[in-house]
Amino acid sequence: DFASKTVRTITDNVECPSLSPDGTRI
């Protein structure tokens, strides 16, 4: 979250993510 300057983990072994146009897949 850029505004709050925070991050939280979701899952592991994921590098260089790219979000799909519909926002449902990485």
PDB file of all heavy atoms in Angstrom:
ATOM      1  N   ASP A   1       0.873  -1.172   0.000  1.00  0.00           N
ATOM      2  CA  ASP A   1       0.000   0.000   0.000  1.00  0.00           C
ATOM      3  C   ASP A   1       0.911   1.223   0.000  1.00  0.00           C
ATOM      4  O   ASP A   1       1.620   1.480   0.985  1.00  0.00           O
ATOM      5  CB  ASP A   1      -0.901  -0.012   1.230  1.00  0.00           C
ATOM      6  CG  ASP A   1      -1.940   1.099   1.222  1.00  0.00           C
ATOM      7  OD1 ASP A   1      -1.537   2.282   1.250  1.00  0.00           O
ATOM      8  OD2 ASP A   1      -3.142   0.792   1.193  1.00  0.00           O
ATOM      9  N   PHE A   2       0.929   1.957  -1.118  1.00  0.00           N
ATOM     10  CA  PHE A   2       1.860   3.075  -1.237  1.00  0.00           C
ATOM     11  C   PHE A   2       1.527   4.193  -0.257  1.00  0.00           C
ATOM     12  O   PHE A   2       2.424   4.787   0.345  1.00  0.00           O
ATOM     13  CB  PHE A   2       1.855   3.601  -2.675  1.00  0.00           C
ATOM     14  CG  PHE A   2       2.893   4.651  -2.926  1.00  0.00           C
ATOM     15  CD1 PHE A   2       4.232   4.333  -2.976  1.00  0.00           C
ATOM     16  CD2 PHE A   2       2.525   5.982  -3.123  1.00  0.00           C
ATOM     17  CE1 PHE A   2       5.202   5.309  -3.209  1.00  0.00           C
ATOM     18  CE2 PHE A   2       3.479   6.968  -3.354  1.00  0.00           C
ATOM     19  CZ  PHE A   2       4.825   6.629  -3.395  1.00  0.00           C
ATOM     20  N   ALA A   3       0.257   4.497  -0.071  1.00  0.00           N
ATOM     21  CA  ALA A   3      -0.139   5.598   0.803  1.00  0.00           C
ATOM     22  C   ALA A   3       0.265   5.349   2.250  1.00  0.00           C
ATOM     23  O   ALA A   3       0.756   6.248   2.934  1.00  0.00           O
ATOM     24  CB  ALA A   3      -1.645   5.832   0.705  1.00  0.00           C
ATOM     25  N   SER A   4       0.078   4.115   2.719  1.00  0.00           N
ATOM     26  CA  SER A   4       0.397   3.797   4.114  1.00  0.00           C
ATOM     27  C   SER A   4       1.822   3.283   4.288  1.00  0.00           C
ATOM     28  O   SER A   4       2.261   3.039   5.411  1.00  0.00           O
ATOM     29  CB  SER A   4      -0.584   2.752   4.661  1.00  0.00           C
ATOM     30  OG  SER A   4      -0.436   1.516   3.982  1.00  0.00           O
ATOM     31  N   LYS A   5       2.540   3.092   3.175  1.00  0.00           N
ATOM     32  CA  LYS A   5       3.930   2.603   3.197  1.00  0.00           C
ATOM     33  C   LYS A   5       4.036   1.289   3.962  1.00  0.00           C
ATOM     34  O   LYS A   5       4.845   1.119   4.870  1.00  0.00           O
ATOM     35  CB  LYS A   5       4.855   3.665   3.805  1.00  0.00           C
ATOM     36  CG  LYS A   5       4.814   5.023   3.099  1.00  0.00           C
ATOM     37  CD  LYS A   5       5.263   4.913   1.651  1.00  0.00           C
ATOM     38  CE  LYS A   5       5.420   6.285   0.991  1.00  0.00           C
ATOM     39  NZ  LYS A   5       4.123   6.942   0.683  1.00  0.00           N
ATOM     40  N   THR A   6       3.184   0.322   3.548  1.00  0.00           N
ATOM     41  CA  THR A   6       3.170  -0.996   4.185  1.00  0.00           C
ATOM     42  C   THR A   6       3.171  -2.090   3.122  1.00  0.00           C
ATOM     43  O   THR A   6       2.722  -1.882   1.990  1.00  0.00           O
ATOM     44  CB  THR A   6       1.922  -1.175   5.064  1.00  0.00           C
ATOM     45  OG1 THR A   6       0.740  -1.029   4.249  1.00  0.00           O
ATOM     46  CG2 THR A   6       1.895  -0.167   6.203  1.00  0.00           C
ATOM     47  N   VAL A   7       3.652  -3.278   3.509  1.00  0.00           N
ATOM     48  CA  VAL A   7       3.546  -4.469   2.669  1.00  0.00           C
ATOM     49  C   VAL A   7       3.215  -5.660   3.557  1.00  0.00           C
ATOM     50  O   VAL A   7       3.545  -5.680   4.745  1.00  0.00           O
ATOM     51  CB  VAL A   7       4.849  -4.775   1.888  1.00  0.00           C
ATOM     52  CG1 VAL A   7       5.209  -3.653   0.941  1.00  0.00           C
ATOM     53  CG2 VAL A   7       6.005  -5.072   2.832  1.00  0.00           C
ATOM     54  N   ARG A   8       2.552  -6.661   2.949  1.00  0.00           N
ATOM     55  CA  ARG A   8       2.250  -7.899   3.675  1.00  0.00           C
ATOM     56  C   ARG A   8       2.466  -9.086   2.751  1.00  0.00           C
ATOM     57  O   ARG A   8       2.229  -9.005   1.548  1.00  0.00           O
ATOM     58  CB  ARG A   8       0.810  -7.895   4.189  1.00  0.00           C
ATOM     59  CG  ARG A   8      -0.251  -7.834   3.113  1.00  0.00           C
ATOM     60  CD  ARG A   8      -1.658  -7.845   3.697  1.00  0.00           C
ATOM     61  NE  ARG A   8      -2.679  -7.783   2.649  1.00  0.00           N
ATOM     62  CZ  ARG A   8      -3.177  -8.854   2.033  1.00  0.00           C
ATOM     63  NH1 ARG A   8      -2.748 -10.072   2.359  1.00  0.00           N
ATOM     64  NH2 ARG A   8      -4.099  -8.720   1.088  1.00  0.00           N
ATOM     65  N   THR A   9       2.924 -10.191   3.308  1.00  0.00           N
ATOM     66  CA  THR A   9       3.190 -11.374   2.499  1.00  0.00           C
ATOM     67  C   THR A   9       1.892 -12.090   2.146  1.00  0.00           C
ATOM     68  O   THR A   9       0.928 -12.094   2.912  1.00  0.00           O
ATOM     69  CB  THR A   9       4.119 -12.352   3.226  1.00  0.00           C
ATOM     70  OG1 THR A   9       3.514 -12.771   4.462  1.00  0.00           O
ATOM     71  CG2 THR A   9       5.473 -11.711   3.521  1.00  0.00           C
ATOM     72  N   ILE A  10       1.902 -12.721   0.946  1.00  0.00           N
ATOM     73  CA  ILE A  10       0.739 -13.478   0.475  1.00  0.00           C
ATOM     74  C   ILE A  10       1.080 -14.950   0.307  1.00  0.00           C
ATOM     75  O   ILE A  10       0.378 -15.828   0.798  1.00  0.00           O
ATOM     76  CB  ILE A  10       0.221 -12.896  -0.858  1.00  0.00           C
ATOM     77  CG1 ILE A  10      -0.288 -11.476  -0.640  1.00  0.00           C
ATOM     78  CG2 ILE A  10      -0.891 -13.771  -1.438  1.00  0.00           C
ATOM     79  CD1 ILE A  10      -0.703 -10.774  -1.909  1.00  0.00           C
ATOM     80  N   THR A  11       2.169 -15.233  -0.407  1.00  0.00           N
ATOM     81  CA  THR A  11       2.615 -16.614  -0.603  1.00  0.00           C
ATOM     82  C   THR A  11       4.097 -16.564  -0.944  1.00  0.00           C
ATOM     83  O   THR A  11       4.680 -15.477  -1.070  1.00  0.00           O
ATOM     84  CB  THR A  11       1.802 -17.314  -1.716  1.00  0.00           C
ATOM     85  OG1 THR A  11       2.138 -18.702  -1.750  1.00  0.00           O
ATOM     86  CG2 THR A  11       2.075 -16.693  -3.076  1.00  0.00           C
ATOM     87  N   ASP A  12       4.742 -17.730  -1.099  1.00  0.00           N
ATOM     88  CA  ASP A  12       6.175 -17.724  -1.353  1.00  0.00           C
ATOM     89  C   ASP A  12       6.508 -18.266  -2.742  1.00  0.00           C
ATOM     90  O   ASP A  12       5.639 -18.704  -3.485  1.00  0.00           O
ATOM     91  CB  ASP A  12       6.928 -18.514  -0.270  1.00  0.00           C
ATOM     92  CG  ASP A  12       6.494 -19.962  -0.175  1.00  0.00           C
ATOM     93  OD1 ASP A  12       5.711 -20.424  -1.026  1.00  0.00           O
ATOM     94  OD2 ASP A  12       6.948 -20.643   0.758  1.00  0.00           O
ATOM     95  N   ASN A  13       7.800 -18.222  -3.081  1.00  0.00           N
ATOM     96  CA  ASN A  13       8.348 -18.677  -4.360  1.00  0.00           C
ATOM     97  C   ASN A  13       7.673 -17.992  -5.548  1.00  0.00           C
ATOM     98  O   ASN A  13       7.351 -18.626  -6.548  1.00  0.00           O
ATOM     99  CB  ASN A  13       8.267 -20.203  -4.505  1.00  0.00           C
ATOM    100  CG  ASN A  13       9.176 -20.724  -5.612  1.00  0.00           C
ATOM    101  OD1 ASN A  13      10.116 -20.041  -6.035  1.00  0.00           O
ATOM    102  ND2 ASN A  13       8.893 -21.915  -6.100  1.00  0.00           N
ATOM    103  N   VAL A  14       7.467 -16.689  -5.423  1.00  0.00           N
ATOM    104  CA  VAL A  14       6.928 -15.877  -6.514  1.00  0.00           C
ATOM    105  C   VAL A  14       7.896 -14.727  -6.758  1.00  0.00           C
ATOM    106  O   VAL A  14       8.145 -13.927  -5.852  1.00  0.00           O
ATOM    107  CB  VAL A  14       5.525 -15.327  -6.184  1.00  0.00           C
ATOM    108  CG1 VAL A  14       5.076 -14.321  -7.232  1.00  0.00           C
ATOM    109  CG2 VAL A  14       4.522 -16.464  -6.075  1.00  0.00           C
ATOM    110  N   GLU A  15       8.451 -14.650  -7.966  1.00  0.00           N
ATOM    111  CA  GLU A  15       9.393 -13.590  -8.298  1.00  0.00           C
ATOM    112  C   GLU A  15       8.905 -12.812  -9.520  1.00  0.00           C
ATOM    113  O   GLU A  15       8.315 -13.366 -10.438  1.00  0.00           O
ATOM    114  CB  GLU A  15      10.775 -14.170  -8.598  1.00  0.00           C
ATOM    115  CG  GLU A  15      11.437 -14.853  -7.412  1.00  0.00           C
ATOM    116  CD  GLU A  15      12.860 -15.251  -7.731  1.00  0.00           C
ATOM    117  OE1 GLU A  15      13.695 -14.354  -7.971  1.00  0.00           O
ATOM    118  OE2 GLU A  15      13.136 -16.464  -7.752  1.00  0.00           O
ATOM    119  N   CYS A  16       9.189 -11.526  -9.505  1.00  0.00           N
ATOM    120  CA  CYS A  16       8.879 -10.642 -10.635  1.00  0.00           C
ATOM    121  C   CYS A  16       7.423 -10.734 -11.061  1.00  0.00           C
ATOM    122  O   CYS A  16       7.103 -11.091 -12.201  1.00  0.00           O
ATOM    123  CB  CYS A  16       9.796 -10.960 -11.812  1.00  0.00           C
ATOM    124  SG  CYS A  16      11.535 -10.697 -11.459  1.00  0.00           S
ATOM    125  N   PRO A  17       6.481 -10.414 -10.166  1.00  0.00           N
ATOM    126  CA  PRO A  17       5.064 -10.534 -10.491  1.00  0.00           C
ATOM    127  C   PRO A  17       4.601  -9.514 -11.513  1.00  0.00           C
ATOM    128  O   PRO A  17       5.153  -8.418 -11.640  1.00  0.00           O
ATOM    129  CB  PRO A  17       4.378 -10.294  -9.137  1.00  0.00           C
ATOM    130  CG  PRO A  17       5.337  -9.401  -8.407  1.00  0.00           C
ATOM    131  CD  PRO A  17       6.703  -9.880  -8.813  1.00  0.00           C
ATOM    132  N   SER A  18       3.560  -9.885 -12.252  1.00  0.00           N
ATOM    133  CA  SER A  18       2.920  -9.000 -13.227  1.00  0.00           C
ATOM    134  C   SER A  18       1.423  -9.236 -13.159  1.00  0.00           C
ATOM    135  O   SER A  18       0.955 -10.343 -13.427  1.00  0.00           O
ATOM    136  CB  SER A  18       3.460  -9.285 -14.633  1.00  0.00           C
ATOM    137  OG  SER A  18       2.870  -8.428 -15.583  1.00  0.00           O
ATOM    138  N   LEU A  19       0.661  -8.206 -12.787  1.00  0.00           N
ATOM    139  CA  LEU A  19      -0.773  -8.338 -12.565  1.00  0.00           C
ATOM    140  C   LEU A  19      -1.527  -8.307 -13.887  1.00  0.00           C
ATOM    141  O   LEU A  19      -1.264  -7.462 -14.749  1.00  0.00           O
ATOM    142  CB  LEU A  19      -1.265  -7.218 -11.658  1.00  0.00           C
ATOM    143  CG  LEU A  19      -2.721  -7.282 -11.198  1.00  0.00           C
ATOM    144  CD1 LEU A  19      -2.974  -8.518 -10.333  1.00  0.00           C
ATOM    145  CD2 LEU A  19      -3.083  -6.007 -10.428  1.00  0.00           C
ATOM    146  N   SER A  20      -2.471  -9.225 -14.042  1.00  0.00           N
ATOM    147  CA  SER A  20      -3.270  -9.304 -15.261  1.00  0.00           C
ATOM    148  C   SER A  20      -4.165  -8.072 -15.399  1.00  0.00           C
ATOM    149  O   SER A  20      -4.483  -7.398 -14.410  1.00  0.00           O
ATOM    150  CB  SER A  20      -4.135 -10.569 -15.253  1.00  0.00           C
ATOM    151  OG  SER A  20      -5.067 -10.534 -14.185  1.00  0.00           O
ATOM    152  N   PRO A  21      -4.600  -7.757 -16.625  1.00  0.00           N
ATOM    153  CA  PRO A  21      -5.457  -6.582 -16.829  1.00  0.00           C
ATOM    154  C   PRO A  21      -6.728  -6.604 -15.995  1.00  0.00           C
ATOM    155  O   PRO A  21      -7.221  -5.536 -15.592  1.00  0.00           O
ATOM    156  CB  PRO A  21      -5.770  -6.637 -18.334  1.00  0.00           C
ATOM    157  CG  PRO A  21      -4.593  -7.344 -18.929  1.00  0.00           C
ATOM    158  CD  PRO A  21      -4.203  -8.375 -17.911  1.00  0.00           C
ATOM    159  N   ASP A  22      -7.269  -7.792 -15.719  1.00  0.00           N
ATOM    160  CA  ASP A  22      -8.491  -7.860 -14.909  1.00  0.00           C
ATOM    161  C   ASP A  22      -8.209  -7.934 -13.412  1.00  0.00           C
ATOM    162  O   ASP A  22      -9.141  -8.001 -12.604  1.00  0.00           O
ATOM    163  CB  ASP A  22      -9.374  -9.035 -15.346  1.00  0.00           C
ATOM    164  CG  ASP A  22      -8.717 -10.393 -15.114  1.00  0.00           C
ATOM    165  OD1 ASP A  22      -7.616 -10.457 -14.521  1.00  0.00           O
ATOM    166  OD2 ASP A  22      -9.311 -11.414 -15.543  1.00  0.00           O
ATOM    167  N   GLY A  23      -6.943  -7.926 -13.027  1.00  0.00           N
ATOM    168  CA  GLY A  23      -6.572  -7.894 -11.614  1.00  0.00           C
ATOM    169  C   GLY A  23      -6.757  -9.186 -10.854  1.00  0.00           C
ATOM    170  O   GLY A  23      -6.669  -9.181  -9.621  1.00  0.00           O
ATOM    171  N   THR A  24      -6.947 -10.312 -11.546  1.00  0.00           N
ATOM    172  CA  THR A  24      -7.231 -11.568 -10.851  1.00  0.00           C
ATOM    173  C   THR A  24      -6.072 -12.555 -10.834  1.00  0.00           C
ATOM    174  O   THR A  24      -6.093 -13.512 -10.077  1.00  0.00           O
ATOM    175  CB  THR A  24      -8.428 -12.285 -11.506  1.00  0.00           C
ATOM    176  OG1 THR A  24      -8.096 -12.664 -12.854  1.00  0.00           O
ATOM    177  CG2 THR A  24      -9.655 -11.383 -11.518  1.00  0.00           C
ATOM    178  N   ARG A  25      -5.047 -12.304 -11.676  1.00  0.00           N
ATOM    179  CA  ARG A  25      -3.955 -13.269 -11.812  1.00  0.00           C
ATOM    180  C   ARG A  25      -2.604 -12.556 -11.803  1.00  0.00           C
ATOM    181  O   ARG A  25      -2.510 -11.394 -12.164  1.00  0.00           O
ATOM    182  CB  ARG A  25      -4.099 -14.064 -13.117  1.00  0.00           C
ATOM    183  CG  ARG A  25      -5.322 -14.960 -13.190  1.00  0.00           C
ATOM    184  CD  ARG A  25      -5.620 -15.324 -14.649  1.00  0.00           C
ATOM    185  NE  ARG A  25      -6.091 -14.167 -15.399  1.00  0.00           N
ATOM    186  CZ  ARG A  25      -6.164 -14.099 -16.727  1.00  0.00           C
ATOM    187  NH1 ARG A  25      -5.754 -15.132 -17.458  1.00  0.00           N
ATOM    188  NH2 ARG A  25      -6.614 -13.011 -17.327  1.00  0.00           N
ATOM    189  N   ILE A  26      -1.616 -13.300 -11.385  1.00  0.00           N
ATOM    190  CA  ILE A  26      -0.240 -12.811 -11.374  1.00  0.00           C
ATOM    191  C   ILE A  26       0.598 -13.719 -12.258  1.00  0.00           C
ATOM    192  O   ILE A  26       0.689 -14.926 -12.018  1.00  0.00           O
ATOM    193  CB  ILE A  26       0.351 -12.817  -9.949  1.00  0.00           C
ATOM    194  CG1 ILE A  26      -0.325 -11.781  -9.055  1.00  0.00           C
ATOM    195  CG2 ILE A  26       1.865 -12.633  -9.985  1.00  0.00           C
ATOM    196  CD1 ILE A  26       0.195 -10.380  -9.191  1.00  0.00           C
TER     197      ILE A  26
END
